[in-house]
Amino acid sequence: MKMYHVDAFTSELFKGNPADVCFVDHFPTDSMMQAIATENRLSETAFAVQKSADEYDLRWFTPGGEINLCGHATLATGFLVFKFRNPGTKIVKFATKSGELTVEEVNGRYQMNFPSYQLKAVPVTDEMTQVFGVKPIAAYQDRDLLCVLPTAADVQNCQPSQKALAKLPGLLQNITAKSDDPQYDCVSRSFAPKLAVPEDPVCGSAHCQIVPYWAQKLGKTKITAFQASQRTGVLYCEDLGERVSMAGDAVLYSTGELNVD
């Protein structure tokens, strides 16, 4: 089984969010895909089955289980199709557990179209304040928890306990604040201890919730988002109402062969 290792949401190696992508004739067993993802120890490993020149079935696995939506591994898979599997393709369509997702090459970047998450306000709790080291301004929950912190420094300096994080609601726990760098509109970080991922370096799916929040708060539809993990990454986003557009760069780090049946 051939596997590609791609750094997504960056144009530089060793930055952005790494994803492993396996193109297969048919999906291996769930237990095999899970074992591969656990062995890889990245936030996501993607498995893609080609249906036509520009259509694929796509699934994503974390070390802690399958997930229903993943941004950076989708971008990585689209990048590989454009660059290596079918150059000249204008748009790639992925059938996933979250419906049809698309990736297209626009102005040298890879642009995805994802469903947006709802901004359902939830009470700010003492547990949230203790975990993040500062009282959030507001909190929202859909699939994931989103906590808005007072400053960008609060986001960047946050050192949450993984055990305490895992007790908070949401599949992922995301924090965000208005950026103090004029290059960006917002800064964020994403944690996923429930999926055995301490911190997701640059999380596309988190921005299905982050972008609608900042679009509403800032009164603009186009949002440039900075993810402040150790690896860092940038997402060029647009709020489309019920959908969110996210664009970024990608770079291939390695290719390899898995010795599995």
C-alpha atoms as a PDB file:
ATOM      1  CA  MET A   1       0.000   0.000   0.000  1.00  0.00           C
ATOM      2  CA  LYS A   2       1.501   3.340  -1.055  1.00  0.00           C
ATOM      3  CA  MET A   3       1.361   6.179   1.440  1.00  0.00           C
ATOM      4  CA  TYR A   4       2.117   9.874   1.018  1.00  0.00           C
ATOM      5  CA  HIS A   5       3.083  12.223   3.847  1.00  0.00           C
ATOM      6  CA  VAL A   6       1.936  15.808   3.217  1.00  0.00           C
ATOM      7  CA  ASP A   7       2.253  18.978   5.284  1.00  0.00           C
ATOM      8  CA  ALA A   8      -1.012  20.900   4.777  1.00  0.00           C
ATOM      9  CA  PHE A   9      -1.837  24.573   5.302  1.00  0.00           C
ATOM     10  CA  THR A  10       1.783  25.545   4.720  1.00  0.00           C
ATOM     11  CA  SER A  11       4.257  25.999   1.881  1.00  0.00           C
ATOM     12  CA  GLU A  12       7.185  24.976   4.111  1.00  0.00           C
ATOM     13  CA  LEU A  13       8.168  21.502   5.226  1.00  0.00           C
ATOM     14  CA  PHE A  14       7.850  20.789   8.956  1.00  0.00           C
ATOM     15  CA  LYS A  15       5.112  23.397   9.380  1.00  0.00           C
ATOM     16  CA  GLY A  16       1.346  23.214   8.971  1.00  0.00           C
ATOM     17  CA  ASN A  17      -0.456  19.976   9.754  1.00  0.00           C
ATOM     18  CA  PRO A  18       1.004  16.647   8.609  1.00  0.00           C
ATOM     19  CA  ALA A  19      -1.308  14.004   7.165  1.00  0.00           C
ATOM     20  CA  ASP A  20      -0.677  10.566   5.733  1.00  0.00           C
ATOM     21  CA  VAL A  21      -2.744   9.653   2.672  1.00  0.00           C
ATOM     22  CA  CYS A  22      -3.246   6.142   1.287  1.00  0.00           C
ATOM     23  CA  PHE A  23      -4.797   5.619  -2.152  1.00  0.00           C
ATOM     24  CA  VAL A  24      -6.367   2.149  -2.265  1.00  0.00           C
ATOM     25  CA  ASP A  25      -8.454   0.124  -4.725  1.00  0.00           C
ATOM     26  CA  HIS A  26     -10.984  -0.529  -1.971  1.00  0.00           C
ATOM     27  CA  PHE A  27     -11.105   0.353   1.699  1.00  0.00           C
ATOM     28  CA  PRO A  28      -9.235  -2.064   3.976  1.00  0.00           C
ATOM     29  CA  THR A  29     -11.095  -3.318   7.022  1.00  0.00           C
ATOM     30  CA  ASP A  30     -11.876  -0.715   9.645  1.00  0.00           C
ATOM     31  CA  SER A  31      -9.515  -2.472  12.041  1.00  0.00           C
ATOM     32  CA  MET A  32      -6.675  -2.281   9.503  1.00  0.00           C
ATOM     33  CA  MET A  33      -7.259   1.420   8.787  1.00  0.00           C
ATOM     34  CA  GLN A  34      -7.375   2.082  12.517  1.00  0.00           C
ATOM     35  CA  ALA A  35      -4.165   0.128  13.097  1.00  0.00           C
ATOM     36  CA  ILE A  36      -2.383   2.117  10.372  1.00  0.00           C
ATOM     37  CA  ALA A  37      -3.582   5.434  11.824  1.00  0.00           C
ATOM     38  CA  THR A  38      -2.527   4.386  15.311  1.00  0.00           C
ATOM     39  CA  GLU A  39       0.893   3.349  14.015  1.00  0.00           C
ATOM     40  CA  ASN A  40       1.320   6.636  12.124  1.00  0.00           C
ATOM     41  CA  ARG A  41       0.544   8.707  15.237  1.00  0.00           C
ATOM     42  CA  LEU A  42      -0.510  11.738  13.209  1.00  0.00           C
ATOM     43  CA  SER A  43      -3.738  13.588  13.890  1.00  0.00           C
ATOM     44  CA  GLU A  44      -5.226  12.021  10.736  1.00  0.00           C
ATOM     45  CA  THR A  45      -4.544   9.325   8.175  1.00  0.00           C
ATOM     46  CA  ALA A  46      -6.753   9.476   5.074  1.00  0.00           C
ATOM     47  CA  PHE A  47      -7.823   6.576   2.869  1.00  0.00           C
ATOM     48  CA  ALA A  48      -9.065   7.374  -0.648  1.00  0.00           C
ATOM     49  CA  VAL A  49     -10.736   5.115  -3.223  1.00  0.00           C
ATOM     50  CA  GLN A  50     -10.908   6.487  -6.774  1.00  0.00           C
ATOM     51  CA  LYS A  51     -14.356   6.266  -8.407  1.00  0.00           C
ATOM     52  CA  SER A  52     -13.629   8.326 -11.541  1.00  0.00           C
ATOM     53  CA  ALA A  53     -11.014  10.793 -12.778  1.00  0.00           C
ATOM     54  CA  ASP A  54     -12.127  13.434 -10.301  1.00  0.00           C
ATOM     55  CA  GLU A  55     -14.254  11.550  -7.754  1.00  0.00           C
ATOM     56  CA  TYR A  56     -13.104   9.661  -4.661  1.00  0.00           C
ATOM     57  CA  ASP A  57     -14.546   8.052  -1.572  1.00  0.00           C
ATOM     58  CA  LEU A  58     -12.648   9.390   1.432  1.00  0.00           C
ATOM     59  CA  ARG A  59     -12.365   8.362   5.088  1.00  0.00           C
ATOM     60  CA  TRP A  60     -10.215   9.697   7.911  1.00  0.00           C
ATOM     61  CA  PHE A  61      -8.835   7.960  10.996  1.00  0.00           C
ATOM     62  CA  THR A  62      -7.176   9.468  14.064  1.00  0.00           C
ATOM     63  CA  PRO A  63      -5.101   7.398  16.508  1.00  0.00           C
ATOM     64  CA  GLY A  64      -8.243   7.270  18.655  1.00  0.00           C
ATOM     65  CA  GLY A  65     -10.853   6.409  16.033  1.00  0.00           C
ATOM     66  CA  GLU A  66     -12.572   7.379  12.790  1.00  0.00           C
ATOM     67  CA  ILE A  67     -13.716  10.995  12.459  1.00  0.00           C
ATOM     68  CA  ASN A  68     -16.564  12.369  10.354  1.00  0.00           C
ATOM     69  CA  LEU A  69     -14.829  15.507   9.052  1.00  0.00           C
ATOM     70  CA  CYS A  70     -11.203  16.510   8.568  1.00  0.00           C
ATOM     71  CA  GLY A  71      -9.875  19.545   6.745  1.00  0.00           C
ATOM     72  CA  HIS A  72      -6.130  19.184   6.439  1.00  0.00           C
ATOM     73  CA  ALA A  73      -6.171  15.539   5.302  1.00  0.00           C
ATOM     74  CA  THR A  74      -8.794  16.437   2.682  1.00  0.00           C
ATOM     75  CA  LEU A  75      -6.622  19.287   1.441  1.00  0.00           C
ATOM     76  CA  ALA A  76      -3.624  16.926   1.393  1.00  0.00           C
ATOM     77  CA  THR A  77      -5.552  14.344  -0.646  1.00  0.00           C
ATOM     78  CA  GLY A  78      -6.735  16.975  -3.125  1.00  0.00           C
ATOM     79  CA  PHE A  79      -3.192  18.303  -3.456  1.00  0.00           C
ATOM     80  CA  LEU A  80      -1.918  14.815  -4.321  1.00  0.00           C
ATOM     81  CA  VAL A  81      -4.606  14.322  -6.972  1.00  0.00           C
ATOM     82  CA  PHE A  82      -3.792  17.655  -8.609  1.00  0.00           C
ATOM     83  CA  LYS A  83      -0.023  17.215  -8.481  1.00  0.00           C
ATOM     84  CA  PHE A  84       0.562  13.518  -9.055  1.00  0.00           C
ATOM     85  CA  ARG A  85      -2.488  11.392  -9.808  1.00  0.00           C
ATOM     86  CA  ASN A  86      -4.442  13.458 -12.320  1.00  0.00           C
ATOM     87  CA  PRO A  87      -2.744  16.747 -13.262  1.00  0.00           C
ATOM     88  CA  GLY A  88      -5.084  19.026 -15.150  1.00  0.00           C
ATOM     89  CA  THR A  89      -8.112  18.164 -13.037  1.00  0.00           C
ATOM     90  CA  LYS A  90     -10.004  21.344 -12.170  1.00  0.00           C
ATOM     91  CA  ILE A  91     -11.968  20.136  -9.153  1.00  0.00           C
ATOM     92  CA  VAL A  92     -11.887  16.980  -7.029  1.00  0.00           C
ATOM     93  CA  LYS A  93     -15.036  15.668  -5.348  1.00  0.00           C
ATOM     94  CA  PHE A  94     -14.900  13.533  -2.219  1.00  0.00           C
ATOM     95  CA  ALA A  95     -17.800  11.431  -0.944  1.00  0.00           C
ATOM     96  CA  THR A  96     -17.490  11.404   2.854  1.00  0.00           C
ATOM     97  CA  LYS A  97     -19.488  10.856   6.037  1.00  0.00           C
ATOM     98  CA  SER A  98     -20.126  14.618   6.005  1.00  0.00           C
ATOM     99  CA  GLY A  99     -21.487  14.601   2.459  1.00  0.00           C
ATOM    100  CA  GLU A 100     -19.730  15.776  -0.688  1.00  0.00           C
ATOM    101  CA  LEU A 101     -16.608  17.868  -0.137  1.00  0.00           C
ATOM    102  CA  THR A 102     -14.696  19.573  -2.929  1.00  0.00           C
ATOM    103  CA  VAL A 103     -11.142  20.754  -3.448  1.00  0.00           C
ATOM    104  CA  GLU A 104     -10.108  22.983  -6.323  1.00  0.00           C
ATOM    105  CA  GLU A 105      -6.918  24.782  -7.237  1.00  0.00           C
ATOM    106  CA  VAL A 106      -7.457  28.549  -7.067  1.00  0.00           C
ATOM    107  CA  ASN A 107      -4.639  31.057  -7.538  1.00  0.00           C
ATOM    108  CA  GLY A 108      -2.012  28.507  -6.562  1.00  0.00           C
ATOM    109  CA  ARG A 109      -3.775  27.418  -3.376  1.00  0.00           C
ATOM    110  CA  TYR A 110      -6.053  24.466  -2.647  1.00  0.00           C
ATOM    111  CA  GLN A 111      -9.567  25.581  -1.773  1.00  0.00           C
ATOM    112  CA  MET A 112     -12.075  23.397   0.054  1.00  0.00           C
ATOM    113  CA  ASN A 113     -15.803  23.789   0.564  1.00  0.00           C
ATOM    114  CA  PHE A 114     -17.099  22.422   3.877  1.00  0.00           C
ATOM    115  CA  PRO A 115     -20.383  22.547   5.803  1.00  0.00           C
ATOM    116  CA  SER A 116     -20.412  25.190   8.527  1.00  0.00           C
ATOM    117  CA  TYR A 117     -21.106  24.364  12.170  1.00  0.00           C
ATOM    118  CA  GLN A 118     -23.801  26.158  14.116  1.00  0.00           C
ATOM    119  CA  LEU A 119     -22.907  28.663  16.808  1.00  0.00           C
ATOM    120  CA  LYS A 120     -24.930  27.275  19.706  1.00  0.00           C
ATOM    121  CA  ALA A 121     -24.073  29.348  22.776  1.00  0.00           C
ATOM    122  CA  VAL A 122     -23.392  27.372  25.953  1.00  0.00           C
ATOM    123  CA  PRO A 123     -22.601  28.631  29.462  1.00  0.00           C
ATOM    124  CA  VAL A 124     -18.993  29.454  30.298  1.00  0.00           C
ATOM    125  CA  THR A 125     -18.116  27.120  33.164  1.00  0.00           C
ATOM    126  CA  ASP A 126     -15.543  27.184  35.938  1.00  0.00           C
ATOM    127  CA  GLU A 127     -14.023  24.082  34.346  1.00  0.00           C
ATOM    128  CA  MET A 128     -13.397  25.972  31.092  1.00  0.00           C
ATOM    129  CA  THR A 129     -11.716  28.803  33.002  1.00  0.00           C
ATOM    130  CA  GLN A 130      -9.521  26.369  34.922  1.00  0.00           C
ATOM    131  CA  VAL A 131      -8.491  24.434  31.809  1.00  0.00           C
ATOM    132  CA  PHE A 132      -7.628  27.466  29.673  1.00  0.00           C
ATOM    133  CA  GLY A 133      -6.181  29.604  32.475  1.00  0.00           C
ATOM    134  CA  VAL A 134      -8.473  32.546  31.736  1.00  0.00           C
ATOM    135  CA  LYS A 135     -12.239  33.031  31.684  1.00  0.00           C
ATOM    136  CA  PRO A 136     -13.592  32.713  28.129  1.00  0.00           C
ATOM    137  CA  ILE A 137     -15.623  35.617  26.768  1.00  0.00           C
ATOM    138  CA  ALA A 138     -18.080  33.163  25.250  1.00  0.00           C
ATOM    139  CA  ALA A 139     -18.471  29.463  24.479  1.00  0.00           C
ATOM    140  CA  TYR A 140     -20.226  27.616  21.648  1.00  0.00           C
ATOM    141  CA  GLN A 141     -20.806  23.964  20.882  1.00  0.00           C
ATOM    142  CA  ASP A 142     -21.686  21.917  17.821  1.00  0.00           C
ATOM    143  CA  ARG A 143     -19.583  18.828  17.122  1.00  0.00           C
ATOM    144  CA  ASP A 144     -16.744  20.678  18.854  1.00  0.00           C
ATOM    145  CA  LEU A 145     -16.445  23.148  21.713  1.00  0.00           C
ATOM    146  CA  LEU A 146     -15.312  26.678  20.804  1.00  0.00           C
ATOM    147  CA  CYS A 147     -14.157  29.024  23.556  1.00  0.00           C
ATOM    148  CA  VAL A 148     -13.404  32.666  22.758  1.00  0.00           C
ATOM    149  CA  LEU A 149     -10.542  33.972  24.911  1.00  0.00           C
ATOM    150  CA  PRO A 150      -9.840  37.649  25.712  1.00  0.00           C
ATOM    151  CA  THR A 151      -6.514  38.026  23.867  1.00  0.00           C
ATOM    152  CA  ALA A 152      -4.306  36.370  21.258  1.00  0.00           C
ATOM    153  CA  ALA A 153      -1.639  35.929  23.940  1.00  0.00           C
ATOM    154  CA  ASP A 154      -4.108  33.892  26.006  1.00  0.00           C
ATOM    155  CA  VAL A 155      -4.495  31.521  23.051  1.00  0.00           C
ATOM    156  CA  GLN A 156      -0.787  31.320  22.276  1.00  0.00           C
ATOM    157  CA  ASN A 157       0.312  30.791  25.892  1.00  0.00           C
ATOM    158  CA  CYS A 158      -2.373  28.280  26.851  1.00  0.00           C
ATOM    159  CA  GLN A 159      -0.996  25.032  28.309  1.00  0.00           C
ATOM    160  CA  PRO A 160      -4.072  22.964  29.114  1.00  0.00           C
ATOM    161  CA  SER A 161      -4.063  19.661  30.939  1.00  0.00           C
ATOM    162  CA  GLN A 162      -5.022  16.880  28.538  1.00  0.00           C
ATOM    163  CA  LYS A 163      -6.914  15.064  31.269  1.00  0.00           C
ATOM    164  CA  ALA A 164      -8.919  18.177  32.129  1.00  0.00           C
ATOM    165  CA  LEU A 165      -9.509  19.004  28.451  1.00  0.00           C
ATOM    166  CA  ALA A 166     -10.995  15.567  27.862  1.00  0.00           C
ATOM    167  CA  LYS A 167     -13.657  16.287  30.488  1.00  0.00           C
ATOM    168  CA  LEU A 168     -14.948  19.320  28.585  1.00  0.00           C
ATOM    169  CA  PRO A 169     -17.802  18.881  26.089  1.00  0.00           C
ATOM    170  CA  GLY A 170     -17.225  18.533  22.351  1.00  0.00           C
ATOM    171  CA  LEU A 171     -15.229  16.098  20.264  1.00  0.00           C
ATOM    172  CA  LEU A 172     -12.512  18.739  19.851  1.00  0.00           C
ATOM    173  CA  GLN A 173     -11.852  21.702  22.102  1.00  0.00           C
ATOM    174  CA  ASN A 174     -10.947  24.861  20.163  1.00  0.00           C
ATOM    175  CA  ILE A 175      -9.864  28.252  21.497  1.00  0.00           C
ATOM    176  CA  THR A 176      -9.753  31.486  19.529  1.00  0.00           C
ATOM    177  CA  ALA A 177      -9.197  35.231  19.907  1.00  0.00           C
ATOM    178  CA  LYS A 178      -8.916  38.300  17.711  1.00  0.00           C
ATOM    179  CA  SER A 179      -5.442  38.506  16.209  1.00  0.00           C
ATOM    180  CA  ASP A 180      -3.103  41.292  17.293  1.00  0.00           C
ATOM    181  CA  ASP A 181      -1.150  40.807  14.046  1.00  0.00           C
ATOM    182  CA  PRO A 182      -2.685  42.824  11.171  1.00  0.00           C
ATOM    183  CA  GLN A 183      -1.904  39.987   8.736  1.00  0.00           C
ATOM    184  CA  TYR A 184      -4.601  37.851  10.355  1.00  0.00           C
ATOM    185  CA  ASP A 185      -8.147  38.295  11.592  1.00  0.00           C
ATOM    186  CA  CYS A 186      -8.063  35.626  14.273  1.00  0.00           C
ATOM    187  CA  VAL A 187      -5.770  33.206  16.044  1.00  0.00           C
ATOM    188  CA  SER A 188      -6.753  29.766  17.286  1.00  0.00           C
ATOM    189  CA  ARG A 189      -5.623  26.392  18.599  1.00  0.00           C
ATOM    190  CA  SER A 190      -7.299  22.986  18.516  1.00  0.00           C
ATOM    191  CA  PHE A 191      -7.083  20.093  20.976  1.00  0.00           C
ATOM    192  CA  ALA A 192      -8.427  16.558  20.598  1.00  0.00           C
ATOM    193  CA  PRO A 193      -7.487  14.411  23.612  1.00  0.00           C
ATOM    194  CA  LYS A 194     -10.625  12.288  23.108  1.00  0.00           C
ATOM    195  CA  LEU A 195      -9.107  11.170  19.797  1.00  0.00           C
ATOM    196  CA  ALA A 196      -5.625  10.608  21.277  1.00  0.00           C
ATOM    197  CA  VAL A 197      -4.416  13.842  19.618  1.00  0.00           C
ATOM    198  CA  PRO A 198      -3.055  16.276  22.246  1.00  0.00           C
ATOM    199  CA  GLU A 199      -3.069  19.220  19.803  1.00  0.00           C
ATOM    200  CA  ASP A 200      -4.145  19.280  16.158  1.00  0.00           C
ATOM    201  CA  PRO A 201      -1.507  21.601  14.643  1.00  0.00           C
ATOM    202  CA  VAL A 202      -3.718  23.222  11.976  1.00  0.00           C
ATOM    203  CA  CYS A 203      -7.325  22.065  12.072  1.00  0.00           C
ATOM    204  CA  GLY A 204      -9.481  22.757   9.031  1.00  0.00           C
ATOM    205  CA  SER A 205     -12.728  21.393  10.462  1.00  0.00           C
ATOM    206  CA  ALA A 206     -12.387  23.649  13.522  1.00  0.00           C
ATOM    207  CA  HIS A 207     -12.765  26.594  11.171  1.00  0.00           C
ATOM    208  CA  CYS A 208     -16.240  25.391  10.208  1.00  0.00           C
ATOM    209  CA  GLN A 209     -17.086  26.946  13.578  1.00  0.00           C
ATOM    210  CA  ILE A 210     -14.353  29.576  13.985  1.00  0.00           C
ATOM    211  CA  VAL A 211     -14.997  31.308  10.647  1.00  0.00           C
ATOM    212  CA  PRO A 212     -18.762  31.842  11.138  1.00  0.00           C
ATOM    213  CA  TYR A 213     -18.026  33.309  14.582  1.00  0.00           C
ATOM    214  CA  TRP A 214     -15.460  35.834  13.361  1.00  0.00           C
ATOM    215  CA  ALA A 215     -17.400  36.664  10.204  1.00  0.00           C
ATOM    216  CA  GLN A 216     -20.327  37.618  12.422  1.00  0.00           C
ATOM    217  CA  LYS A 217     -18.179  39.390  15.005  1.00  0.00           C
ATOM    218  CA  LEU A 218     -16.050  41.375  12.535  1.00  0.00           C
ATOM    219  CA  GLY A 219     -18.793  42.027   9.993  1.00  0.00           C
ATOM    220  CA  LYS A 220     -16.861  40.536   7.077  1.00  0.00           C
ATOM    221  CA  THR A 221     -17.031  37.313   5.103  1.00  0.00           C
ATOM    222  CA  LYS A 222     -13.349  36.780   4.266  1.00  0.00           C
ATOM    223  CA  ILE A 223     -11.288  35.681   7.255  1.00  0.00           C
ATOM    224  CA  THR A 224      -7.540  35.039   7.342  1.00  0.00           C
ATOM    225  CA  ALA A 225      -6.946  32.641  10.218  1.00  0.00           C
ATOM    226  CA  PHE A 226      -3.663  31.858  11.975  1.00  0.00           C
ATOM    227  CA  GLN A 227      -3.297  28.606  13.903  1.00  0.00           C
ATOM    228  CA  ALA A 228      -0.857  29.165  16.744  1.00  0.00           C
ATOM    229  CA  SER A 229       0.408  25.637  17.374  1.00  0.00           C
ATOM    230  CA  GLN A 230       4.142  24.994  17.528  1.00  0.00           C
ATOM    231  CA  ARG A 231       4.104  24.159  13.795  1.00  0.00           C
ATOM    232  CA  THR A 232       1.805  27.093  12.880  1.00  0.00           C
ATOM    233  CA  GLY A 233      -0.342  27.404   9.769  1.00  0.00           C
ATOM    234  CA  VAL A 234      -2.554  29.813   7.831  1.00  0.00           C
ATOM    235  CA  LEU A 235      -6.060  29.309   6.410  1.00  0.00           C
ATOM    236  CA  TYR A 236      -7.659  31.696   3.920  1.00  0.00           C
ATOM    237  CA  CYS A 237     -11.369  31.397   4.614  1.00  0.00           C
ATOM    238  CA  GLU A 238     -14.724  32.746   3.532  1.00  0.00           C
ATOM    239  CA  ASP A 239     -18.068  32.459   5.282  1.00  0.00           C
ATOM    240  CA  LEU A 240     -20.642  31.323   2.695  1.00  0.00           C
ATOM    241  CA  GLY A 241     -23.604  31.006   5.041  1.00  0.00           C
ATOM    242  CA  GLU A 242     -24.280  27.288   5.359  1.00  0.00           C
ATOM    243  CA  ARG A 243     -20.831  26.479   3.960  1.00  0.00           C
ATOM    244  CA  VAL A 244     -17.277  27.612   4.668  1.00  0.00           C
ATOM    245  CA  SER A 245     -14.540  27.959   2.065  1.00  0.00           C
ATOM    246  CA  MET A 246     -10.999  27.245   3.279  1.00  0.00           C
ATOM    247  CA  ALA A 247      -7.842  27.557   1.207  1.00  0.00           C
ATOM    248  CA  GLY A 248      -4.219  26.809   1.952  1.00  0.00           C
ATOM    249  CA  ASP A 249      -0.939  25.516   0.638  1.00  0.00           C
ATOM    250  CA  ALA A 250       0.507  22.012   0.846  1.00  0.00           C
ATOM    251  CA  VAL A 251       3.888  20.383   0.370  1.00  0.00           C
ATOM    252  CA  LEU A 252       4.917  16.732  -0.038  1.00  0.00           C
ATOM    253  CA  TYR A 253       7.390  15.455   2.546  1.00  0.00           C
ATOM    254  CA  SER A 254       7.724  11.775   1.649  1.00  0.00           C
ATOM    255  CA  THR A 255       6.274   8.725  -0.047  1.00  0.00           C
ATOM    256  CA  GLY A 256       6.516   5.170   1.187  1.00  0.00           C
ATOM    257  CA  GLU A 257       5.228   1.625   0.908  1.00  0.00           C
ATOM    258  CA  LEU A 258       3.313  -0.047   3.731  1.00  0.00           C
ATOM    259  CA  ASN A 259       4.008  -3.744   4.190  1.00  0.00           C
ATOM    260  CA  VAL A 260       0.441  -4.691   5.050  1.00  0.00           C
ATOM    261  CA  ASP A 261      -1.935  -7.170   3.442  1.00  0.00           C
END
